[in-house]
Protein backbone atom coordinates (compact mmCIF):
# COMPACT_ATOMS: atom_id res chain seq x y z
CA UNK A 1 -16.55 -56.24 64.16
CA UNK A 2 -14.54 -54.40 61.52
CA UNK A 3 -17.05 -55.41 58.86
CA UNK A 4 -19.92 -54.09 60.99
CA UNK A 5 -18.13 -50.74 61.46
CA UNK A 6 -17.51 -50.51 57.71
CA UNK A 7 -21.17 -51.14 56.94
CA UNK A 8 -22.22 -48.60 59.57
CA UNK A 9 -19.84 -45.99 58.13
CA UNK A 10 -21.13 -46.62 54.61
CA UNK A 11 -24.73 -46.28 55.81
CA UNK A 12 -23.94 -43.00 57.59
CA UNK A 13 -22.12 -41.66 54.51
CA UNK A 14 -25.04 -42.56 52.28
CA UNK A 15 -27.47 -40.87 54.67
CA UNK A 16 -25.35 -37.71 54.77
CA UNK A 17 -25.08 -37.74 50.97
CA UNK A 18 -28.86 -38.05 50.68
CA UNK A 19 -29.25 -35.02 52.98
CA UNK A 20 -26.82 -32.81 51.03
CA UNK A 21 -28.67 -30.14 49.06
CA UNK A 22 -27.22 -30.90 45.64
CA UNK A 23 -30.41 -31.14 43.53
CA UNK A 24 -32.18 -28.36 41.66
CA UNK A 25 -35.42 -27.16 43.22
CA UNK A 26 -38.64 -28.73 42.00
CA UNK A 27 -41.37 -26.57 40.39
CA UNK A 28 -43.51 -26.99 43.51
CA UNK A 29 -40.81 -25.60 45.80
CA UNK A 30 -40.13 -22.74 43.38
CA UNK A 31 -43.83 -21.85 43.36
CA UNK A 32 -43.97 -22.05 47.15
CA UNK A 33 -40.94 -19.77 47.48
CA UNK A 34 -42.42 -17.35 44.96
CA UNK A 35 -45.69 -17.19 46.89
CA UNK A 36 -43.63 -16.09 49.90
CA UNK A 37 -41.88 -13.37 47.90
CA UNK A 38 -38.59 -15.28 47.66
CA UNK A 39 -37.46 -14.50 44.12
CA UNK A 40 -34.18 -13.67 42.44
CA UNK A 41 -33.95 -9.89 42.44
CA UNK A 42 -31.38 -7.15 42.79
CA UNK A 43 -32.24 -3.98 44.68
CA UNK A 44 -29.61 -2.15 42.60
CA UNK A 45 -31.38 -2.54 39.24
CA UNK A 46 -34.41 -0.24 39.85
CA UNK A 47 -32.23 2.54 41.29
CA UNK A 48 -29.69 2.32 38.46
CA UNK A 49 -32.33 2.39 35.73
CA UNK A 50 -34.23 5.23 37.42
CA UNK A 51 -31.04 7.31 37.60
CA UNK A 52 -30.08 6.66 33.97
CA UNK A 53 -33.52 7.20 32.43
CA UNK A 54 -34.11 10.33 34.52
CA UNK A 55 -30.89 11.96 33.30
CA UNK A 56 -31.51 10.80 29.71
CA UNK A 57 -34.95 12.39 29.91
CA UNK A 58 -33.41 15.61 31.24
CA UNK A 59 -30.99 15.62 28.31
CA UNK A 60 -33.84 15.53 25.77
CA UNK A 61 -36.31 17.64 27.78
CA UNK A 62 -33.86 20.28 28.97
CA UNK A 63 -35.71 23.03 27.10
CA UNK A 64 -38.97 22.19 28.86
CA UNK A 65 -37.39 22.43 32.33
CA UNK A 66 -35.46 25.56 31.41
CA UNK A 67 -38.64 27.28 30.27
CA UNK A 68 -40.60 26.19 33.37
CA UNK A 69 -37.87 27.29 35.77
CA UNK A 70 -37.47 30.60 33.94
CA UNK A 71 -41.21 31.26 34.32
CA UNK A 72 -41.09 30.27 37.97
CA UNK A 73 -38.27 32.70 38.81
CA UNK A 74 -39.75 35.43 36.61
CA UNK A 75 -43.11 35.30 38.34
CA UNK A 76 -41.47 35.10 41.76
CA UNK A 77 -39.21 38.14 41.31
CA UNK A 78 -41.36 40.28 39.02
CA UNK A 79 -44.78 39.74 40.60
CA UNK A 80 -44.75 38.03 43.97
CA UNK A 81 -41.99 40.30 45.36
CA UNK A 82 -44.22 43.32 44.68
CA UNK A 83 -47.30 41.99 46.46
CA UNK A 84 -48.36 43.34 49.81
CA UNK A 85 -47.35 41.06 52.65
CA UNK A 86 -50.52 39.50 54.07
CA UNK A 87 -51.78 36.10 55.14
CA UNK A 88 -53.98 35.74 52.06
CA UNK A 89 -51.21 36.75 49.65
CA UNK A 90 -48.70 34.37 51.30
CA UNK A 91 -51.20 31.50 51.00
CA UNK A 92 -51.76 32.27 47.31
CA UNK A 93 -48.00 32.52 46.65
CA UNK A 94 -47.23 29.24 48.34
CA UNK A 95 -50.10 27.40 46.62
CA UNK A 96 -48.97 28.71 43.22
CA UNK A 97 -45.33 27.78 43.88
CA UNK A 98 -46.30 24.27 45.05
CA UNK A 99 -48.48 23.77 41.96
CA UNK A 100 -45.76 24.98 39.56
CA UNK A 101 -43.15 22.85 41.33
CA UNK A 102 -45.42 19.80 41.11
CA UNK A 103 -45.97 20.36 37.38
CA UNK A 104 -42.20 20.75 36.97
CA UNK A 105 -41.38 17.50 38.79
CA UNK A 106 -44.35 15.44 37.54
CA UNK A 107 -42.55 14.01 34.45
CA UNK A 108 -39.56 12.95 36.54
CA UNK A 109 -41.78 11.29 39.16
CA UNK A 110 -43.79 9.51 36.43
CA UNK A 111 -40.62 8.21 34.76
CA UNK A 112 -39.27 7.03 38.11
CA UNK A 113 -42.44 5.08 38.93
CA UNK A 114 -42.73 3.52 35.46
CA UNK A 115 -39.05 2.53 35.30
CA UNK A 116 -39.13 1.08 38.84
CA UNK A 117 -42.18 -1.07 38.02
CA UNK A 118 -40.69 -2.28 34.72
CA UNK A 119 -37.29 -3.02 36.30
CA UNK A 120 -38.89 -5.22 38.95
CA UNK A 121 -41.25 -6.85 36.44
CA UNK A 122 -38.35 -7.82 34.17
CA UNK A 123 -36.61 -9.48 37.12
CA UNK A 124 -39.37 -11.69 38.51
CA UNK A 125 -42.58 -10.92 36.62
CA UNK A 126 -45.92 -10.01 38.15
CA UNK A 127 -46.05 -10.87 41.84
CA UNK A 128 -48.39 -9.76 44.61
CA UNK A 129 -47.91 -11.27 48.05
CA UNK A 130 -48.39 -10.07 51.62
CA UNK A 131 -46.27 -12.82 53.15
CA UNK A 132 -43.18 -10.57 53.74
CA UNK A 133 -45.43 -8.23 55.74
CA UNK A 134 -46.40 -11.05 58.09
CA UNK A 135 -44.95 -10.42 61.57
CA UNK A 136 -42.29 -12.93 62.59
CA UNK A 137 -41.19 -13.23 66.21
CA UNK A 138 -37.86 -14.71 65.16
CA UNK A 139 -36.81 -11.34 63.72
CA UNK A 140 -36.90 -9.89 67.23
CA UNK A 141 -34.35 -12.41 68.45
CA UNK A 142 -31.08 -10.48 69.05
CA UNK A 143 -29.00 -13.62 68.48
CA UNK A 144 -30.44 -14.12 65.01
CA UNK A 145 -30.04 -10.40 64.32
CA UNK A 146 -26.36 -10.56 65.28
CA UNK A 147 -25.88 -13.59 63.04
CA UNK A 148 -27.41 -11.72 60.10
CA UNK A 149 -25.30 -8.66 60.87
CA UNK A 150 -22.02 -10.58 60.83
CA UNK A 151 -22.96 -13.14 58.19
CA UNK A 152 -21.18 -13.66 54.90
CA UNK A 153 -24.07 -12.02 53.06
CA UNK A 154 -23.63 -8.82 55.08
CA UNK A 155 -19.90 -8.79 54.33
CA UNK A 156 -20.62 -9.22 50.62
CA UNK A 157 -23.15 -6.36 50.69
CA UNK A 158 -20.60 -4.12 52.46
CA UNK A 159 -17.92 -4.93 49.89
CA UNK A 160 -20.39 -4.24 47.08
CA UNK A 161 -21.24 -0.82 48.53
CA UNK A 162 -17.59 0.09 49.00
CA UNK A 163 -16.73 -1.06 45.47
CA UNK A 164 -19.64 0.88 43.99
CA UNK A 165 -18.64 4.03 45.90
CA UNK A 166 -15.03 3.73 44.73
CA UNK A 167 -15.96 3.20 41.07
CA UNK A 168 -18.50 6.03 41.02
CA UNK A 169 -16.07 8.35 42.82
CA UNK A 170 -13.38 7.49 40.26
CA UNK A 171 -15.69 8.30 37.33
CA UNK A 172 -16.77 11.59 38.88
CA UNK A 173 -13.15 12.53 39.63
CA UNK A 174 -11.90 11.89 36.11
CA UNK A 175 -14.89 13.68 34.58
CA UNK A 176 -14.27 16.78 36.70
CA UNK A 177 -10.52 16.47 36.15
CA UNK A 178 -11.16 16.69 32.40
CA UNK A 179 -12.90 20.03 32.98
CA UNK A 180 -10.06 21.52 35.01
CA UNK A 181 -9.36 24.09 32.30
CA UNK A 182 -12.97 25.35 32.19
CA UNK A 183 -13.92 25.39 35.86
CA UNK A 184 -11.64 28.29 36.98
CA UNK A 185 -13.07 30.58 34.30
CA UNK A 186 -16.65 30.28 35.42
CA UNK A 187 -16.40 33.32 37.69
CA UNK A 188 -15.99 35.55 34.63
CA UNK A 189 -19.16 34.26 32.87
CA UNK A 190 -22.76 35.49 33.23
CA UNK A 191 -25.12 33.63 35.49
CA UNK A 192 -27.04 32.11 32.58
CA UNK A 193 -23.87 30.63 31.08
CA UNK A 194 -22.74 29.30 34.44
CA UNK A 195 -26.12 27.65 34.95
CA UNK A 196 -26.09 26.03 31.49
CA UNK A 197 -22.52 24.79 31.90
CA UNK A 198 -23.27 23.34 35.34
CA UNK A 199 -26.44 21.67 34.06
CA UNK A 200 -24.59 20.17 31.08
CA UNK A 201 -21.80 18.84 33.30
CA UNK A 202 -24.33 17.43 35.78
CA UNK A 203 -26.22 15.63 33.01
CA UNK A 204 -22.98 14.18 31.64
CA UNK A 205 -22.04 12.90 35.09
CA UNK A 206 -25.55 11.51 35.63
CA UNK A 207 -25.54 9.54 32.36
CA UNK A 208 -22.04 8.15 32.96
CA UNK A 209 -22.80 7.15 36.54
CA UNK A 210 -26.16 5.67 35.47
CA UNK A 211 -24.55 3.48 32.80
CA UNK A 212 -21.91 2.35 35.24
CA UNK A 213 -24.47 1.53 37.92
CA UNK A 214 -26.52 -0.51 35.43
CA UNK A 215 -23.47 -2.65 34.65
CA UNK A 216 -22.85 -3.16 38.38
CA UNK A 217 -26.56 -3.87 38.94
CA UNK A 218 -26.63 -6.55 36.23
CA UNK A 219 -23.61 -8.22 37.81
CA UNK A 220 -25.35 -8.03 41.19
CA UNK A 221 -28.50 -9.56 39.66
CA UNK A 222 -26.47 -12.50 38.36
CA UNK A 223 -25.01 -12.96 41.84
CA UNK A 224 -28.44 -12.72 43.49
CA UNK A 225 -29.83 -15.25 41.03
CA UNK A 226 -27.00 -17.64 41.87
CA UNK A 227 -27.64 -17.18 45.60
CA UNK A 228 -31.37 -17.69 45.09
CA UNK A 229 -30.85 -20.94 43.19
CA UNK A 230 -28.40 -22.08 45.86
CA UNK A 231 -30.89 -21.36 48.64
CA UNK A 232 -33.59 -23.37 46.85
CA UNK A 233 -31.48 -26.49 46.38
CA UNK A 234 -32.93 -29.69 47.76
CA UNK A 235 -31.52 -32.96 48.95
CA UNK A 236 -32.55 -36.27 47.45
CA UNK A 237 -34.53 -36.98 50.61
CA UNK A 238 -36.36 -33.65 50.30
CA UNK A 239 -37.41 -34.55 46.75
CA UNK A 240 -38.62 -37.97 47.89
CA UNK A 241 -40.59 -36.43 50.77
CA UNK A 242 -42.17 -33.85 48.48
CA UNK A 243 -43.11 -36.48 45.95
CA UNK A 244 -44.62 -38.58 48.72
CA UNK A 245 -46.64 -35.61 50.02
CA UNK A 246 -47.90 -34.70 46.56
CA UNK A 247 -48.50 -38.12 45.08
CA UNK A 248 -49.14 -39.99 48.30
CA UNK A 249 -47.39 -42.99 49.80
CA UNK A 250 -46.75 -45.56 47.00
CA UNK A 251 -47.69 -48.43 49.33
CA UNK A 252 -50.99 -46.81 50.25
CA UNK A 253 -51.71 -45.99 46.61
CA UNK A 254 -51.00 -49.56 45.54
CA UNK A 255 -53.39 -50.85 48.22
CA UNK A 256 -56.06 -48.41 47.07
CA UNK A 257 -55.62 -49.48 43.45
CA UNK A 258 -55.78 -53.14 44.46
CA UNK A 259 -58.98 -52.55 46.38
CA UNK A 260 -60.47 -50.64 43.44
CA UNK A 261 -59.59 -53.50 41.08
CA UNK A 262 -61.19 -55.99 43.47
CA UNK A 263 -64.42 -53.97 43.68
CA UNK A 264 -64.49 -53.55 39.91
CA UNK A 265 -64.02 -57.30 39.47
CA UNK A 266 -66.85 -58.02 41.90
CA UNK A 267 -69.19 -55.64 40.06
CA UNK A 268 -68.24 -57.25 36.76
CA UNK A 269 -68.90 -60.74 38.08
CA UNK A 270 -72.34 -59.61 39.28
CA UNK A 271 -73.22 -58.79 35.66
CA UNK A 272 -72.31 -62.25 34.30
CA UNK A 273 -75.63 -63.92 35.34
CA UNK A 274 -77.51 -61.24 33.35
CA UNK A 275 -75.58 -62.05 30.15
CA UNK A 276 -77.14 -63.91 27.22
CA UNK A 277 -73.96 -65.68 26.14
CA UNK A 278 -70.31 -66.09 27.12
CA UNK A 279 -67.95 -66.37 24.15
CA UNK A 280 -64.70 -68.20 24.97
CA UNK A 281 -61.31 -68.87 23.41
CA UNK A 282 -61.86 -71.50 25.05
CA UNK A 283 -59.20 -71.32 27.83
CA UNK A 284 -57.52 -67.88 27.59
CA UNK A 285 -60.39 -65.44 26.95
CA UNK A 286 -64.02 -65.11 27.98
CA UNK A 287 -66.40 -62.29 26.98
CA UNK A 288 -69.97 -62.03 28.31
CA UNK A 289 -72.55 -60.36 26.03
CA UNK A 290 -76.02 -59.07 26.83
CA UNK A 291 -78.64 -57.82 24.42
CA UNK A 292 -82.09 -56.41 25.09
CA UNK A 293 -83.81 -55.09 21.98
CA UNK A 294 -86.08 -52.81 24.03
CA UNK A 295 -83.17 -51.04 25.73
CA UNK A 296 -80.13 -51.42 23.48
CA UNK A 297 -79.30 -50.65 19.89
CA UNK A 298 -76.54 -53.29 19.84
CA UNK A 299 -75.21 -56.07 22.09
CA UNK A 300 -73.10 -54.87 25.01
CA UNK A 301 -70.05 -56.39 26.71
CA UNK A 302 -70.88 -56.77 30.40
CA UNK A 303 -67.81 -58.76 31.46
CA UNK A 304 -64.53 -59.96 30.05
CA UNK A 305 -61.37 -61.54 31.35
CA UNK A 306 -58.26 -63.51 30.62
CA UNK A 307 -56.90 -66.74 32.13
CA UNK A 308 -58.04 -66.91 35.78
CA UNK A 309 -60.75 -64.25 35.37
CA UNK A 310 -61.98 -66.02 32.21
CA UNK A 311 -62.27 -69.22 34.19
CA UNK A 312 -64.30 -67.45 36.92
CA UNK A 313 -66.62 -65.95 34.29
CA UNK A 314 -67.28 -69.42 32.81
CA UNK A 315 -67.88 -70.88 36.27
CA UNK A 316 -70.43 -68.20 37.16
CA UNK A 317 -72.09 -68.58 33.76
CA UNK A 318 -72.39 -72.34 34.28
CA UNK A 319 -73.90 -71.83 37.75
CA UNK A 320 -76.60 -69.48 36.41
CA UNK A 321 -77.34 -71.33 33.17
CA UNK A 322 -75.77 -68.79 30.82
CA UNK A 323 -74.89 -70.34 27.48
CA UNK A 324 -71.14 -70.64 26.84
CA UNK A 325 -70.03 -70.81 23.22
CA UNK A 326 -66.53 -71.32 21.83
CA UNK A 327 -65.46 -68.90 19.09
CA UNK A 328 -61.75 -68.15 19.20
CA UNK A 329 -61.50 -65.25 16.65
CA UNK A 330 -64.61 -63.52 17.95
CA UNK A 331 -63.64 -63.90 21.61
CA UNK A 332 -60.18 -62.48 20.99
CA UNK A 333 -61.53 -59.60 18.86
CA UNK A 334 -64.13 -58.63 21.45
CA UNK A 335 -61.61 -58.83 24.29
CA UNK A 336 -59.06 -56.60 22.54
CA UNK A 337 -61.41 -54.04 20.96
CA UNK A 338 -64.39 -53.59 23.29
CA UNK A 339 -64.26 -52.35 26.87
CA UNK A 340 -66.74 -53.33 29.57
CA UNK A 341 -69.99 -51.42 29.14
CA UNK A 342 -69.37 -50.63 25.46
CA UNK A 343 -71.43 -51.92 22.54
CA UNK A 344 -70.13 -54.24 19.88
CA UNK A 345 -68.59 -52.45 16.86
CA UNK A 346 -70.44 -52.55 13.54
CA UNK A 347 -67.95 -54.82 11.77
CA UNK A 348 -68.62 -57.55 14.38
CA UNK A 349 -72.42 -57.28 14.24
CA UNK A 350 -72.78 -60.21 11.82
CA UNK A 351 -70.68 -62.62 13.89
CA UNK A 352 -72.34 -61.63 17.14
CA UNK A 353 -75.81 -61.85 15.58
CA UNK A 354 -75.13 -65.40 14.46
CA UNK A 355 -74.02 -66.35 17.96
CA UNK A 356 -77.09 -64.75 19.57
CA UNK A 357 -79.40 -66.41 17.05
CA UNK A 358 -77.90 -69.77 17.91
CA UNK A 359 -78.29 -69.05 21.63
CA UNK A 360 -81.93 -68.02 21.19
CA UNK A 361 -82.64 -71.26 19.26
CA UNK A 362 -81.11 -73.30 22.10
CA UNK A 363 -83.22 -71.40 24.68
CA UNK A 364 -86.41 -71.94 22.65
CA UNK A 365 -85.72 -75.66 22.42
CA UNK A 366 -85.09 -75.81 26.12
């Protein structure tokens, strides 16, 4: 009884071990997950790169934006303020302001779109799938929603957000604290100087925060990649099942191959009566040759076999009056070098011709 319990426990342990997801995902499962939009990606990377590149662009293109904004305010206060208030004039003013604002923001919007596309492409390449848009009834289940809300993943995301807020707040605080001597004196400066100082400080903060967010985003990407690989892990049984689904059941495949071999052997044996000669080893090999000068350029091997198959070829040849001739070197050479349905190679023409000539002499005498 104790031995039976031990065996049962070992069997259960082995079954549980086979079901543990300890193996790396196969290429087929990775491709299937990718087709469903399940890839390793961090939502922080596009936002961080957009923020950094936008502020870097503003640093180098500050003159362009300063000139555009100066023209916008100049036209607004020097021309539009003097126009007569009417419905037509208001429509013209608003259309002009919208157009100038669009031209002003167009470079920033273009950079944001390009950087967002590149940031996602560098993470998981080119991917188009509508599977995430497919409606799923399970998402409406409040129990599943509560589980997602209080899951470990949600806690990790909350801690990440709090940590990011604390780090960014610390950087902003120390940057502004370093300007504590300059900030109180802004009230005594002209508006243009105040604007330039504020813009310069904003750009400095934007670049610092952008660099910091990129570092945090790269760390988050490494974590997301780890989680993605962990979610794709497979058990040994999963790998076996996948291999069985892709390749087919080994038992069924072996039966199919056996049946194919049997049919091929039957077709080969049906060609033996049409042969002109069977060259033997005499016991280990048998090769059946056929030659028709009106159809073939050289003799052709129509059947060949070893041991038991060779014996069957000789038996069928004897039943149908096909000449059997012993030639050990030639039989072995033909068996090893020529496949069924192929013609005899040129270097064996002489030997085969002598055999066929002998066979034809025997047939003429008969």
